[in-house]
Each structure stands twice: as C-alpha cells, then as structure tokens.
N, C-alpha and C. Protein backbone atom coordinates (compact mmCIF):
# COMPACT_ATOMS: atom_id res chain seq x y z
N UNK A 1 -21.09 -52.31 12.84
CA UNK A 1 -22.10 -51.25 12.57
C UNK A 1 -22.52 -50.34 13.67
N UNK A 2 -22.59 -50.77 14.77
CA UNK A 2 -23.42 -50.16 15.84
C UNK A 2 -22.54 -49.02 16.50
N UNK A 3 -21.20 -49.48 16.43
CA UNK A 3 -20.09 -48.38 16.78
C UNK A 3 -20.10 -47.10 16.07
N UNK A 4 -19.90 -47.50 14.53
CA UNK A 4 -20.16 -46.17 13.53
C UNK A 4 -21.22 -45.42 13.91
N UNK A 5 -22.79 -46.15 14.42
CA UNK A 5 -23.76 -45.39 14.68
C UNK A 5 -23.65 -44.56 15.74
N UNK A 6 -23.05 -44.91 16.67
CA UNK A 6 -22.72 -44.27 18.17
C UNK A 6 -22.08 -43.22 18.15
N UNK A 7 -20.86 -43.04 17.18
CA UNK A 7 -20.19 -42.01 16.91
C UNK A 7 -20.86 -40.81 16.20
N UNK A 8 -21.73 -41.43 15.20
CA UNK A 8 -22.56 -40.22 14.50
C UNK A 8 -23.21 -39.81 15.55
N UNK A 9 -24.05 -40.50 16.25
CA UNK A 9 -25.04 -39.94 17.25
C UNK A 9 -24.32 -38.81 18.11
N UNK A 10 -22.87 -39.10 18.48
CA UNK A 10 -22.46 -38.46 19.57
C UNK A 10 -21.98 -36.99 18.49
N UNK A 11 -21.66 -37.25 17.44
CA UNK A 11 -21.16 -35.94 17.01
C UNK A 11 -22.52 -35.01 16.80
N UNK A 12 -23.64 -35.60 16.43
CA UNK A 12 -24.98 -35.03 16.09
C UNK A 12 -25.36 -34.44 17.44
N UNK A 13 -25.25 -35.22 18.62
CA UNK A 13 -25.66 -34.26 19.84
C UNK A 13 -24.51 -33.34 20.29
N UNK A 14 -23.28 -33.31 19.69
CA UNK A 14 -22.49 -32.18 19.93
C UNK A 14 -22.58 -31.27 19.25
N UNK A 15 -23.11 -31.36 18.05
CA UNK A 15 -23.47 -30.08 17.15
C UNK A 15 -24.43 -29.57 17.52
N UNK A 16 -25.81 -30.20 18.35
CA UNK A 16 -26.92 -29.81 18.32
C UNK A 16 -26.98 -29.02 19.77
N UNK A 17 -26.11 -29.43 20.47
CA UNK A 17 -25.54 -28.59 21.74
C UNK A 17 -24.70 -27.33 21.74
N UNK A 18 -23.85 -27.40 20.73
CA UNK A 18 -23.39 -26.14 20.08
C UNK A 18 -24.25 -25.30 19.91
N UNK A 19 -25.14 -25.32 18.72
CA UNK A 19 -26.21 -24.82 18.18
C UNK A 19 -27.19 -24.20 19.37
N UNK A 20 -27.55 -25.37 20.44
CA UNK A 20 -28.44 -24.40 21.38
C UNK A 20 -27.47 -23.40 22.13
N UNK A 21 -26.27 -23.71 22.75
CA UNK A 21 -25.60 -22.63 23.36
C UNK A 21 -25.31 -21.43 22.47
N UNK A 22 -25.20 -21.40 21.06
CA UNK A 22 -25.19 -20.13 20.29
C UNK A 22 -26.01 -19.29 20.38
N UNK A 23 -27.08 -19.74 20.75
CA UNK A 23 -28.23 -18.67 21.30
C UNK A 23 -28.08 -17.98 22.36
N UNK A 24 -27.43 -18.47 23.48
CA UNK A 24 -27.20 -17.60 24.76
C UNK A 24 -26.31 -16.34 24.37
N UNK A 25 -26.32 -15.46 25.11
CA UNK A 25 -25.85 -14.21 24.57
C UNK A 25 -26.12 -13.38 23.58
N UNK A 26 -27.65 -13.54 23.02
CA UNK A 26 -27.70 -13.02 21.88
C UNK A 26 -27.73 -11.71 21.88
N UNK A 27 -27.57 -11.03 20.58
CA UNK A 27 -27.59 -9.48 20.47
C UNK A 27 -28.59 -8.85 21.51
N UNK A 28 -28.16 -7.66 22.29
CA UNK A 28 -28.76 -6.72 23.15
C UNK A 28 -28.81 -7.29 24.58
N UNK A 29 -28.28 -8.67 24.99
CA UNK A 29 -27.92 -9.26 25.92
C UNK A 29 -27.00 -9.01 26.75
N UNK A 30 -25.96 -8.41 25.81
CA UNK A 30 -24.52 -7.82 26.92
C UNK A 30 -23.74 -9.00 26.82
N UNK A 31 -23.89 -10.25 26.56
CA UNK A 31 -23.08 -11.22 26.49
C UNK A 31 -22.38 -11.59 25.26
N UNK A 32 -21.79 -12.75 25.22
CA UNK A 32 -20.82 -13.10 24.04
C UNK A 32 -21.65 -14.41 23.57
N UNK A 33 -21.80 -14.54 22.07
CA UNK A 33 -22.34 -15.65 21.70
C UNK A 33 -21.42 -17.10 21.57
N UNK A 34 -21.70 -18.28 21.79
CA UNK A 34 -20.75 -19.14 21.60
C UNK A 34 -19.86 -19.11 20.32
N UNK A 35 -20.46 -18.95 19.45
CA UNK A 35 -19.46 -18.42 18.17
C UNK A 35 -18.24 -17.28 18.57
N UNK A 36 -18.52 -16.35 19.02
CA UNK A 36 -17.64 -15.37 19.59
C UNK A 36 -16.82 -16.06 20.65
N UNK A 37 -17.31 -16.77 21.40
CA UNK A 37 -16.06 -17.48 22.57
C UNK A 37 -15.56 -18.52 21.83
N UNK A 38 -16.00 -19.18 20.94
CA UNK A 38 -14.82 -20.11 20.09
C UNK A 38 -14.13 -19.19 19.42
N UNK A 39 -14.06 -18.22 18.76
CA UNK A 39 -13.46 -17.54 18.01
C UNK A 39 -12.36 -16.72 18.63
N UNK A 40 -12.81 -16.37 20.05
CA UNK A 40 -11.81 -15.70 20.87
C UNK A 40 -11.13 -16.50 21.87
N UNK A 41 -11.43 -17.53 21.86
CA UNK A 41 -10.94 -18.53 22.86
C UNK A 41 -11.22 -18.07 24.14
N UNK A 42 -12.08 -17.69 24.34
CA UNK A 42 -12.49 -17.51 26.05
C UNK A 42 -13.82 -16.42 26.12
N UNK A 43 -14.01 -15.89 27.34
CA UNK A 43 -15.42 -15.10 27.43
C UNK A 43 -15.33 -13.84 27.54
N UNK A 44 -14.29 -13.26 27.05
CA UNK A 44 -13.64 -11.76 26.78
C UNK A 44 -13.33 -11.59 25.16
N UNK A 45 -14.15 -10.62 24.54
CA UNK A 45 -13.99 -10.47 23.40
C UNK A 45 -12.92 -9.68 22.88
N UNK A 46 -12.11 -9.95 21.76
CA UNK A 46 -10.92 -9.29 21.58
C UNK A 46 -11.27 -7.83 20.77
N UNK A 47 -10.32 -6.95 21.17
CA UNK A 47 -11.02 -5.23 20.91
C UNK A 47 -10.67 -5.35 19.48
N UNK A 48 -11.75 -4.34 19.05
CA UNK A 48 -11.91 -4.30 17.79
C UNK A 48 -10.55 -3.88 17.09
N UNK A 49 -9.84 -4.20 15.72
CA UNK A 49 -9.10 -3.46 15.28
C UNK A 49 -9.32 -2.32 14.33
N UNK A 50 -8.58 -1.49 14.59
CA UNK A 50 -8.83 0.10 13.93
C UNK A 50 -8.71 -0.36 12.39
N UNK A 51 -9.22 0.29 11.67
CA UNK A 51 -9.33 -0.04 10.08
C UNK A 51 -8.87 1.17 9.28
N UNK A 52 -7.87 0.98 8.78
CA UNK A 52 -7.25 1.86 7.90
C UNK A 52 -7.88 2.51 6.65
N UNK A 53 -8.35 3.67 6.94
CA UNK A 53 -9.32 4.07 5.96
C UNK A 53 -8.52 4.85 4.48
N UNK A 54 -8.34 4.03 3.33
CA UNK A 54 -7.72 4.62 2.20
C UNK A 54 -8.73 4.96 1.09
N UNK A 55 -8.45 6.21 0.51
CA UNK A 55 -9.57 6.49 -0.58
C UNK A 55 -8.88 5.96 -1.71
N UNK A 56 -9.49 5.18 -2.49
CA UNK A 56 -8.88 5.00 -3.84
C UNK A 56 -8.93 5.82 -5.06
N UNK A 57 -9.69 6.38 -5.29
CA UNK A 57 -10.00 7.40 -6.31
C UNK A 57 -9.81 8.91 -5.94
N UNK A 58 -8.34 8.93 -5.98
CA UNK A 58 -7.87 10.27 -5.98
C UNK A 58 -6.74 11.01 -6.99
N UNK A 59 -7.00 12.17 -7.04
CA UNK A 59 -6.31 12.56 -8.15
C UNK A 59 -4.66 12.17 -7.98
N UNK A 60 -3.85 12.05 -9.05
CA UNK A 60 -2.57 11.63 -9.04
C UNK A 60 -1.97 11.66 -10.44
N UNK A 61 -1.26 12.96 -10.51
CA UNK A 61 -0.88 13.33 -11.92
C UNK A 61 0.48 12.52 -12.19
N UNK A 62 0.50 12.51 -13.35
CA UNK A 62 1.71 11.97 -14.09
C UNK A 62 3.18 12.92 -13.53
N UNK A 63 4.13 11.92 -13.11
CA UNK A 63 5.50 12.52 -13.03
C UNK A 63 6.11 13.40 -14.31
N UNK A 64 6.42 14.62 -14.23
CA UNK A 64 6.81 15.42 -15.31
C UNK A 64 8.28 15.32 -15.19
N UNK A 65 9.18 15.69 -16.24
CA UNK A 65 10.67 15.83 -15.91
C UNK A 65 11.12 17.12 -16.34
N UNK A 66 11.66 17.82 -15.35
CA UNK A 66 11.97 19.36 -15.73
C UNK A 66 12.77 19.60 -16.99
N UNK A 67 12.92 20.47 -17.65
CA UNK A 67 13.78 20.61 -19.12
C UNK A 67 15.17 20.59 -18.50
N UNK A 68 15.82 19.80 -19.29
CA UNK A 68 17.22 19.66 -19.02
C UNK A 68 17.53 18.72 -17.69
N UNK A 69 16.48 18.30 -17.15
CA UNK A 69 16.79 17.21 -16.15
C UNK A 69 16.78 15.61 -16.39
N UNK A 70 16.48 15.38 -17.96
CA UNK A 70 16.63 13.95 -17.97
C UNK A 70 17.79 13.23 -18.02
N UNK A 71 19.01 14.00 -18.48
CA UNK A 71 20.39 13.16 -18.91
C UNK A 71 21.18 14.39 -18.11
N UNK A 72 22.55 13.52 -17.75
CA UNK A 72 23.94 14.34 -17.40
C UNK A 72 24.99 13.70 -18.09
N UNK A 73 25.71 14.17 -18.58
CA UNK A 73 26.98 13.52 -19.48
C UNK A 73 28.21 14.33 -18.56
N UNK A 74 29.15 13.37 -18.48
CA UNK A 74 30.40 13.80 -18.03
C UNK A 74 31.45 13.49 -19.06
N UNK A 75 32.07 14.83 -19.83
CA UNK A 75 32.93 14.62 -20.63
C UNK A 75 34.43 14.95 -20.15
N UNK A 76 35.09 14.09 -21.11
CA UNK A 76 36.91 14.06 -20.39
C UNK A 76 37.70 14.60 -21.67
N UNK A 77 39.08 14.59 -21.19
CA UNK A 77 39.80 14.87 -22.17
C UNK A 77 39.62 13.84 -23.23
N UNK A 78 40.80 13.88 -24.32
CA UNK A 78 41.11 13.05 -25.05
C UNK A 78 40.04 13.10 -26.21
N UNK A 79 40.26 12.25 -27.27
CA UNK A 79 39.23 12.00 -28.06
C UNK A 79 38.12 13.12 -28.44
N UNK A 80 38.79 14.29 -28.36
CA UNK A 80 37.51 15.47 -28.68
C UNK A 80 36.80 15.70 -27.66
N UNK A 81 37.21 15.48 -26.02
CA UNK A 81 35.97 15.48 -25.20
C UNK A 81 35.18 14.37 -25.25
N UNK A 82 35.58 13.19 -25.46
CA UNK A 82 34.74 12.01 -25.46
C UNK A 82 33.88 11.75 -24.00
N UNK A 83 32.63 11.39 -24.23
CA UNK A 83 31.80 11.12 -23.07
C UNK A 83 32.42 9.96 -21.97
N UNK A 84 32.54 10.53 -21.03
CA UNK A 84 33.09 9.57 -19.72
C UNK A 84 31.93 8.51 -19.05
N UNK A 85 30.79 9.60 -18.77
CA UNK A 85 29.77 8.64 -18.31
C UNK A 85 28.73 9.79 -18.54
N UNK A 86 27.61 8.83 -18.69
CA UNK A 86 26.20 9.58 -18.86
C UNK A 86 25.02 8.60 -17.86
N UNK A 87 24.55 9.74 -17.21
CA UNK A 87 23.15 8.98 -16.27
C UNK A 87 21.92 9.67 -16.90
N UNK A 88 21.03 8.80 -16.96
CA UNK A 88 19.85 9.15 -17.65
C UNK A 88 18.63 8.47 -16.61
N UNK A 89 17.47 9.32 -16.91
CA UNK A 89 16.21 8.69 -15.99
C UNK A 89 15.85 7.66 -16.80
N UNK A 90 15.12 6.65 -16.17
CA UNK A 90 14.60 5.58 -16.68
C UNK A 90 12.94 5.58 -16.30
N UNK A 91 12.30 4.41 -15.77
CA UNK A 91 11.12 4.72 -15.26
C UNK A 91 10.71 5.43 -14.40
N UNK A 92 9.65 6.19 -14.34
CA UNK A 92 9.12 6.99 -13.31
C UNK A 92 7.65 6.23 -12.58
N UNK A 93 7.63 6.62 -11.47
CA UNK A 93 6.31 6.01 -10.89
C UNK A 93 5.85 6.93 -9.74
N UNK A 94 4.56 6.77 -9.43
CA UNK A 94 4.05 7.78 -8.05
C UNK A 94 3.04 6.78 -8.01
N UNK A 95 2.46 6.79 -6.56
CA UNK A 95 1.21 6.54 -5.79
C UNK A 95 0.73 7.62 -5.05
N UNK A 96 -0.23 7.54 -5.19
CA UNK A 96 -1.19 8.64 -4.47
C UNK A 96 -2.33 8.17 -3.22
N UNK A 97 -2.24 8.23 -2.17
CA UNK A 97 -3.24 7.60 -1.43
C UNK A 97 -4.01 8.75 -0.65
N UNK A 98 -5.56 8.79 -0.98
CA UNK A 98 -6.19 9.78 -0.43
C UNK A 98 -6.09 9.19 1.34
N UNK A 99 -6.23 10.29 2.13
CA UNK A 99 -6.27 10.00 3.58
C UNK A 99 -7.76 10.64 3.98
N UNK A 100 -8.20 9.97 5.35
CA UNK A 100 -9.49 10.55 5.73
C UNK A 100 -9.58 12.13 5.88
N UNK A 101 -8.71 12.86 6.24
CA UNK A 101 -8.60 14.30 6.08
C UNK A 101 -8.74 14.97 5.13
N UNK A 102 -8.83 14.08 4.01
CA UNK A 102 -8.71 14.67 2.44
C UNK A 102 -7.80 15.34 2.04
N UNK A 103 -6.38 15.06 2.77
CA UNK A 103 -4.92 15.05 1.94
C UNK A 103 -4.63 13.94 1.19
N UNK A 104 -3.70 14.23 0.62
CA UNK A 104 -3.24 12.87 -0.04
C UNK A 104 -1.75 12.70 0.27
N UNK A 105 -1.42 11.18 0.25
CA UNK A 105 -0.23 11.14 0.50
C UNK A 105 0.62 10.36 -0.50
N UNK A 106 1.43 11.34 -0.99
CA UNK A 106 2.27 11.08 -2.13
C UNK A 106 3.53 10.06 -2.17
N UNK A 107 3.87 9.40 -3.13
CA UNK A 107 5.07 8.45 -3.19
C UNK A 107 5.74 8.62 -4.56
N UNK A 108 7.06 8.79 -4.60
CA UNK A 108 7.69 9.00 -6.16
C UNK A 108 8.62 7.94 -6.29
N UNK A 109 8.65 7.28 -7.36
CA UNK A 109 9.81 6.33 -7.73
C UNK A 109 10.48 6.86 -8.91
N UNK A 110 12.06 6.46 -8.79
CA UNK A 110 12.46 6.87 -9.96
C UNK A 110 13.69 5.91 -10.35
N UNK A 111 13.88 5.66 -11.58
CA UNK A 111 14.99 4.53 -11.99
C UNK A 111 15.81 5.65 -12.58
N UNK A 112 17.19 5.51 -12.36
CA UNK A 112 18.19 6.08 -13.29
C UNK A 112 19.14 4.99 -13.44
N UNK A 113 20.01 5.34 -14.83
CA UNK A 113 20.72 4.26 -15.32
C UNK A 113 22.05 5.06 -15.55
N UNK A 114 23.33 4.57 -15.24
CA UNK A 114 24.47 4.96 -15.16
C UNK A 114 24.98 4.19 -16.21
N UNK A 115 25.72 4.84 -17.21
CA UNK A 115 26.49 4.24 -18.40
C UNK A 115 27.71 4.68 -18.56
N UNK A 116 28.95 3.88 -18.88
CA UNK A 116 30.25 4.16 -19.10
C UNK A 116 30.22 4.84 -20.59
N UNK A 117 31.12 5.69 -20.54
CA UNK A 117 31.31 6.15 -22.03
C UNK A 117 32.90 5.82 -22.70
N UNK A 118 33.16 6.23 -23.87
CA UNK A 118 34.12 5.73 -24.18
C UNK A 118 35.30 6.01 -23.54
N UNK A 119 35.45 7.25 -22.98
CA UNK A 119 36.46 7.74 -21.98
C UNK A 119 36.43 7.52 -20.86
N UNK A 120 35.30 6.68 -20.26
CA UNK A 120 35.17 6.21 -18.80
C UNK A 120 35.53 4.72 -18.23
N UNK A 121 35.26 4.48 -16.94
CA UNK A 121 36.01 3.46 -16.59
C UNK A 121 34.96 3.04 -15.73
N UNK A 122 35.16 1.51 -15.31
CA UNK A 122 34.14 0.78 -14.12
C UNK A 122 34.59 2.05 -13.14
N UNK A 123 33.53 1.77 -12.02
CA UNK A 123 33.65 2.70 -10.61
C UNK A 123 32.26 3.14 -10.09
N UNK A 124 32.65 4.08 -9.25
CA UNK A 124 31.36 4.59 -8.56
C UNK A 124 30.62 5.78 -9.07
N UNK A 125 29.59 6.03 -9.41
CA UNK A 125 28.95 7.03 -9.89
C UNK A 125 27.96 7.69 -9.04
N UNK A 126 27.84 8.89 -8.98
CA UNK A 126 27.15 9.60 -8.20
C UNK A 126 25.99 10.42 -8.95
N UNK A 127 24.74 9.96 -8.54
CA UNK A 127 23.66 10.38 -9.34
C UNK A 127 22.67 11.21 -8.42
N UNK A 128 22.66 12.69 -8.78
CA UNK A 128 21.98 13.68 -7.95
C UNK A 128 20.43 13.74 -8.77
N UNK A 129 19.59 13.61 -7.88
CA UNK A 129 18.28 13.30 -7.97
C UNK A 129 17.37 14.63 -7.35
N UNK A 130 16.32 15.20 -7.96
CA UNK A 130 15.50 16.16 -7.48
C UNK A 130 14.11 15.96 -7.67
N UNK A 131 13.38 16.27 -6.55
CA UNK A 131 11.98 15.92 -6.75
C UNK A 131 11.18 17.15 -6.12
N UNK A 132 9.98 17.53 -6.84
CA UNK A 132 9.35 18.72 -6.18
C UNK A 132 7.95 18.35 -6.25
N UNK A 133 7.17 18.56 -5.46
CA UNK A 133 5.68 18.40 -5.28
C UNK A 133 5.29 19.42 -5.03
N UNK A 134 3.97 20.04 -5.83
CA UNK A 134 3.77 21.71 -5.53
C UNK A 134 2.36 21.86 -6.33
N UNK A 135 1.85 23.20 -6.03
CA UNK A 135 0.62 23.62 -6.53
C UNK A 135 0.82 25.06 -6.93
N UNK A 136 1.44 25.20 -8.13
CA UNK A 136 1.76 26.66 -8.40
C UNK A 136 2.97 27.00 -7.79
N UNK A 137 2.88 28.10 -6.97
CA UNK A 137 4.03 28.50 -6.43
C UNK A 137 4.25 27.94 -4.90
N UNK A 138 3.11 27.24 -4.66
CA UNK A 138 3.33 26.55 -3.32
C UNK A 138 3.94 25.34 -3.60
N UNK A 139 4.91 24.94 -2.62
CA UNK A 139 5.77 23.75 -2.83
C UNK A 139 5.69 22.87 -1.54
N UNK A 140 5.09 21.54 -2.01
CA UNK A 140 4.79 20.73 -0.47
C UNK A 140 6.02 19.98 -0.04
N UNK A 141 7.26 19.76 -1.08
CA UNK A 141 8.09 18.74 -0.88
C UNK A 141 9.16 19.61 -2.10
N UNK A 142 10.40 19.59 -1.57
CA UNK A 142 11.33 20.18 -2.29
C UNK A 142 12.78 19.42 -1.90
N UNK A 143 13.09 17.98 -2.50
CA UNK A 143 13.83 17.00 -1.81
C UNK A 143 14.87 16.69 -2.77
N UNK A 144 16.20 16.75 -2.71
CA UNK A 144 17.24 16.37 -3.10
C UNK A 144 17.85 15.14 -2.57
N UNK A 145 18.41 14.21 -3.24
CA UNK A 145 19.07 12.96 -2.98
C UNK A 145 20.24 12.86 -4.13
N UNK A 146 21.31 12.17 -3.32
CA UNK A 146 22.36 11.67 -4.08
C UNK A 146 22.37 10.00 -3.78
N UNK A 147 22.49 9.53 -4.75
CA UNK A 147 22.56 7.89 -4.75
C UNK A 147 23.47 7.55 -5.67
N UNK A 148 24.15 6.26 -4.78
CA UNK A 148 25.78 5.85 -5.45
C UNK A 148 25.18 4.79 -6.71
N UNK A 149 25.77 4.71 -7.77
CA UNK A 149 25.71 3.74 -8.72
C UNK A 149 26.98 3.13 -8.96
N UNK A 150 27.23 2.00 -8.59
CA UNK A 150 28.46 1.34 -8.93
C UNK A 150 28.78 0.55 -10.13
N UNK A 151 29.65 0.63 -10.83
CA UNK A 151 29.64 -0.25 -12.25
C UNK A 151 30.87 -1.09 -12.10
N UNK A 152 30.47 -2.43 -11.87
CA UNK A 152 31.91 -3.03 -11.83
C UNK A 152 32.64 -3.26 -12.91
N UNK A 153 34.05 -3.99 -12.63
CA UNK A 153 34.71 -4.07 -13.93
C UNK A 153 34.42 -4.87 -14.91
N UNK A 154 34.49 -5.04 -15.93
CA UNK A 154 33.81 -5.62 -16.95
C UNK A 154 32.39 -5.30 -17.28
N UNK A 155 31.91 -4.66 -16.80
CA UNK A 155 30.37 -4.04 -16.88
C UNK A 155 30.26 -2.54 -17.42
N UNK A 156 29.39 -2.47 -18.27
CA UNK A 156 29.23 -0.92 -18.91
C UNK A 156 28.23 -0.13 -18.42
N UNK A 157 27.45 -0.55 -17.62
CA UNK A 157 26.08 0.14 -17.10
C UNK A 157 25.52 -0.48 -15.83
N UNK A 158 24.79 0.23 -14.88
CA UNK A 158 23.94 -0.27 -13.73
C UNK A 158 22.86 0.44 -13.73
N UNK A 159 21.85 0.28 -13.13
CA UNK A 159 20.54 1.18 -13.04
C UNK A 159 20.37 1.07 -11.39
N UNK A 160 19.75 2.22 -11.06
CA UNK A 160 19.71 2.39 -9.45
C UNK A 160 18.04 2.68 -9.42
N UNK A 161 17.62 2.87 -8.06
CA UNK A 161 15.99 3.46 -8.08
C UNK A 161 16.06 4.20 -6.75
N UNK A 162 15.51 5.34 -6.79
CA UNK A 162 15.14 5.94 -5.71
C UNK A 162 13.78 6.28 -5.33
N UNK A 163 13.17 5.65 -4.09
CA UNK A 163 11.81 6.10 -3.79
C UNK A 163 11.85 7.23 -2.49
N UNK A 164 10.93 8.17 -2.85
CA UNK A 164 10.89 9.36 -1.87
C UNK A 164 9.69 9.06 -1.42
N UNK A 165 9.35 9.13 -0.35
CA UNK A 165 7.70 8.82 0.29
C UNK A 165 7.72 9.61 1.48
N UNK A 166 6.45 9.78 2.03
CA UNK A 166 6.01 10.68 3.10
C UNK A 166 5.41 12.04 2.76
N UNK A 167 5.35 12.47 1.31
CA UNK A 167 4.86 13.60 0.91
C UNK A 167 3.37 13.56 1.04
N UNK A 168 3.14 14.80 1.89
CA UNK A 168 1.94 15.27 2.11
C UNK A 168 1.36 16.51 1.05
N UNK A 169 0.11 16.02 0.70
CA UNK A 169 -0.27 17.40 -0.06
C UNK A 169 -2.01 17.67 0.75
N UNK A 170 -1.73 18.82 1.00
CA UNK A 170 -2.96 19.21 1.80
C UNK A 170 -4.25 19.20 1.14
N UNK A 171 -5.57 19.10 1.78
CA UNK A 171 -6.60 18.76 1.22
C UNK A 171 -7.12 19.97 0.44
N UNK A 172 -6.61 21.04 0.45
CA UNK A 172 -6.93 22.27 -0.26
C UNK A 172 -6.40 22.03 -1.65
N UNK A 173 -5.51 21.33 -1.75
CA UNK A 173 -4.66 21.02 -3.03
C UNK A 173 -4.70 19.62 -3.60
N UNK A 174 -5.46 19.00 -2.93
CA UNK A 174 -5.26 17.46 -3.40
C UNK A 174 -5.80 17.20 -4.85
N UNK A 175 -6.73 18.16 -5.26
CA UNK A 175 -7.09 18.01 -6.90
C UNK A 175 -6.26 18.76 -7.75
N UNK A 176 -5.20 19.19 -7.52
CA UNK A 176 -4.56 20.16 -8.43
C UNK A 176 -2.97 20.33 -8.13
N UNK A 177 -2.39 19.22 -8.26
CA UNK A 177 -1.04 19.52 -7.91
C UNK A 177 -0.22 18.82 -8.67
N UNK A 178 1.02 19.09 -8.79
CA UNK A 178 2.26 18.48 -9.71
C UNK A 178 3.24 17.90 -9.25
N UNK A 179 3.98 17.15 -9.78
CA UNK A 179 5.18 16.20 -9.39
C UNK A 179 5.82 16.19 -10.39
N UNK A 180 7.21 16.87 -10.21
CA UNK A 180 8.44 16.99 -11.21
C UNK A 180 9.65 16.32 -10.43
N UNK A 181 10.37 15.74 -11.32
CA UNK A 181 11.41 15.23 -10.99
C UNK A 181 12.87 15.48 -12.19
N UNK A 182 14.01 15.64 -11.77
CA UNK A 182 15.02 15.76 -12.61
C UNK A 182 16.39 15.19 -11.96
N UNK A 183 17.55 15.20 -13.00
CA UNK A 183 18.47 14.82 -12.43
C UNK A 183 19.34 16.27 -12.40
N UNK A 184 20.35 16.32 -11.27
CA UNK A 184 21.14 17.54 -11.14
C UNK A 184 20.64 18.02 -9.69
N UNK A 185 20.98 19.40 -9.26
CA UNK A 185 20.53 19.78 -8.22
C UNK A 185 19.23 20.41 -8.16
N UNK A 186 18.75 21.70 -8.11
CA UNK A 186 17.76 22.00 -8.20
C UNK A 186 16.99 22.22 -9.59
N UNK A 187 15.55 21.95 -9.70
CA UNK A 187 15.13 21.84 -11.05
C UNK A 187 14.98 22.91 -11.76
N UNK A 188 15.07 22.90 -13.08
CA UNK A 188 15.40 24.03 -13.87
C UNK A 188 13.91 24.43 -14.12
N UNK A 189 13.60 25.66 -14.57
CA UNK A 189 12.26 26.18 -15.19
C UNK A 189 11.49 25.30 -16.10
N UNK A 190 10.42 25.42 -16.35
CA UNK A 190 9.60 24.48 -17.33
C UNK A 190 9.67 22.93 -17.13
N UNK A 191 8.67 22.50 -18.08
CA UNK A 191 8.87 21.03 -17.97
C UNK A 191 8.77 20.26 -19.27
N UNK A 192 9.21 19.19 -19.32
CA UNK A 192 9.14 18.65 -20.58
C UNK A 192 7.80 17.32 -20.42
N UNK A 193 6.83 17.54 -21.35
CA UNK A 193 5.45 16.38 -21.08
C UNK A 193 5.86 15.33 -21.75
C-alpha cells in the first residue's frame, strides 16, 4: 500500500512543480511560459504560422451553357448519315473563393460524356471544351482545352472531367460576373439557362 501512495505523492509534487513553473515567463515578461516550452520543445518559440484568409460568403454565379454548346454529334455515311459519336455535357460545377484583396478566385469543373453511335466504334475521341469568365464585354478568362476520351472495345461510352482553375476576377467585378462553358471551339452568342 505504501508504495502506491509514494507514486501518487511523487506525481502530485511533479504536477505542483509544473504549475509553479508555468507562472514563470508570464505575459509581459518577455519570456516563454512552461506551457510554451513544453509545446515547442525548447526555450524558443516556433514562428507563427501565416493564416490563409478566405472569405466564405462570396458571389458565385451558376455555370451557364452557351447556345449550341451542350452537345456535338459526328455523323458518318451509310444508314442515311447515322450518328458515329456524340459528346454531351454532364455535371457542371464551380467554386469561388474570396481573396483578402476583394478579388475572387474561380475554379470551373466540367464533366463530358462520349457515346458511340450506330455508325461508330471504340477508340479515342477528342472533346473540345471552352470556358469563359466575364463581366459584360470584359473577359477575365477565355480558355479552350481538348481532352481525350478513350472508349475501350466492348464499351459504348466513357466520361471525362476537366477542371480549370486559377481564374481571377478582380474586386471591381467580384459581385457581377458570368461563367459560360460549351463544347466546341469558341462559344456561340447567347446562353441557355
């Protein structure tokens, strides 16, 4: 029994000693408190970590599809010009993160599906995607990408994703800009809502 009591007393004195030492280096004294030294494993304090400031409540418009930009069909000969392949847009997503300077950092995600038609066959299909972020006639990003979609033998379709990031909308337009996407080269005039 006495041995168990000795251990308890030892722990009690150790904790009391730490509490007493924790008062050393109190605020305003220029030193580190015991808690700081225990956390940083020494007598020097680790440099403060830079905090990333992100504004959560920012304007982020829905992604619009330009007229004629939702699907592309390739027709072939035979069977009165049967469809060889069709590429269509799937899910669209966007993310807008407010920056400390009032600008908005925009990321746009596009899913596209390639389908083999009656006159088509398995293989590689090229998917041209166009993304525009603008405010009226002022264009902040005008990006075109081509993505390869491979449809293996025995399959009739595949899905690919495109993510375009690093688009900066300045503070002067952060509350009134548009995001437009479409399949093909440059976007057509007008939008589908």
